[in-house]
Amino acid sequence: MNIEGGVVHELPDDIKQVLTSDEELLSKWNKLTPLARNEWICWTTIVKKAETRENHVQRLKSEILEGKKRPCCWPGCPHRNTKAKKYFKSN
């Protein structure tokens, strides 16, 4: 099955692995809008620590399976939305 990507960000291998490991998750992922997928990718990859990133990858899986469309409490992708940049020290 095809894996849809985001708008600004490339889909990293760790997210690809999680998506391809669960058919229901991949189906729900592909039904998200490109902007929503971009938010998930950015939210997962913008963190600095590997353990935080792994936590975000697992939350991506569980929250999309629960029906969430975008990461909770996320100001938005600072690489796409200039208003969100103020929430990040460096981009």
Protein backbone atom coordinates (compact mmCIF):
# COMPACT_ATOMS: atom_id res chain seq x y z
CA MET A 1 0.00 0.00 0.00
CA ASN A 2 1.16 3.55 -0.76
CA ILE A 3 2.25 5.81 2.12
CA GLU A 4 1.13 9.41 1.72
CA GLY A 5 3.51 12.18 2.85
CA GLY A 6 3.26 15.70 4.16
CA VAL A 7 3.55 19.12 2.56
CA VAL A 8 6.90 20.43 3.80
CA HIS A 9 8.53 17.45 5.50
CA GLU A 10 9.77 14.16 4.07
CA LEU A 11 8.42 11.06 5.78
CA PRO A 12 11.26 9.64 7.93
CA ASP A 13 12.05 5.93 8.13
CA ASP A 14 10.94 5.48 11.77
CA ILE A 15 7.45 6.77 10.95
CA LYS A 16 7.33 4.67 7.76
CA GLN A 17 8.14 1.55 9.80
CA VAL A 18 5.34 2.22 12.29
CA LEU A 19 2.84 2.99 9.54
CA THR A 20 3.64 -0.14 7.53
CA SER A 21 3.46 -2.34 10.63
CA ASP A 22 -0.28 -1.72 11.09
CA GLU A 23 -2.73 -1.82 8.18
CA GLU A 24 -5.46 0.11 10.04
CA LEU A 25 -2.99 2.83 11.05
CA LEU A 26 -1.72 3.18 7.48
CA SER A 27 -5.26 3.45 6.16
CA LYS A 28 -6.13 6.18 8.67
CA TRP A 29 -2.83 7.97 7.96
CA ASN A 30 -3.50 8.03 4.22
CA LYS A 31 -6.97 9.50 4.85
CA LEU A 32 -5.53 12.49 6.74
CA THR A 33 -5.06 15.71 4.81
CA PRO A 34 -1.52 16.48 3.59
CA LEU A 35 -1.36 19.36 6.09
CA ALA A 36 -2.40 17.10 8.97
CA ARG A 37 0.22 14.51 7.97
CA ASN A 38 2.79 17.32 7.83
CA GLU A 39 1.88 18.36 11.39
CA TRP A 40 2.42 14.80 12.65
CA ILE A 41 5.77 14.54 10.86
CA CYS A 42 7.01 17.89 12.17
CA TRP A 43 5.76 17.21 15.70
CA THR A 44 7.65 13.91 15.70
CA THR A 45 10.89 15.12 14.15
CA ILE A 46 11.37 18.55 15.75
CA VAL A 47 12.30 17.13 19.17
CA LYS A 48 15.95 16.90 20.20
CA LYS A 49 16.15 13.70 22.26
CA ALA A 50 15.88 10.24 20.72
CA GLU A 51 13.70 9.02 23.61
CA THR A 52 11.26 11.90 23.08
CA ARG A 53 11.11 11.15 19.37
CA GLU A 54 10.36 7.47 20.05
CA ASN A 55 7.62 8.57 22.45
CA HIS A 56 6.16 10.83 19.75
CA VAL A 57 6.25 8.02 17.18
CA GLN A 58 4.33 5.75 19.56
CA ARG A 59 1.85 8.53 20.39
CA LEU A 60 1.39 9.18 16.67
CA LYS A 61 0.39 5.54 16.29
CA SER A 62 -1.99 5.39 19.22
CA GLU A 63 -3.58 8.79 18.66
CA ILE A 64 -4.22 8.30 14.95
CA LEU A 65 -5.75 4.90 15.72
CA GLU A 66 -7.99 6.70 18.25
CA GLY A 67 -9.15 9.00 15.45
CA LYS A 68 -7.13 12.14 16.19
CA LYS A 69 -6.32 14.20 13.13
CA ARG A 70 -3.44 16.32 14.49
CA PRO A 71 -1.09 16.27 17.48
CA CYS A 72 -2.68 17.66 20.64
CA CYS A 73 -1.42 20.94 22.07
CA TRP A 74 0.84 21.62 19.10
CA PRO A 75 1.11 25.23 17.85
CA GLY A 76 1.75 24.02 14.31
CA CYS A 77 4.68 23.42 12.03
CA PRO A 78 7.07 26.38 12.36
CA HIS A 79 8.54 25.47 8.97
CA ARG A 80 5.20 26.16 7.28
CA ASN A 81 3.30 28.47 9.63
CA THR A 82 5.12 31.69 10.50
CA LYS A 83 2.80 32.33 13.46
CA ALA A 84 3.95 29.06 15.07
CA LYS A 85 7.65 30.06 14.92
CA LYS A 86 7.34 32.16 18.06
CA TYR A 87 6.84 28.97 20.10
CA PHE A 88 10.24 27.55 19.09
CA LYS A 89 13.65 28.92 20.08
CA SER A 90 15.41 27.75 16.91
CA ASN A 91 14.05 26.25 13.72
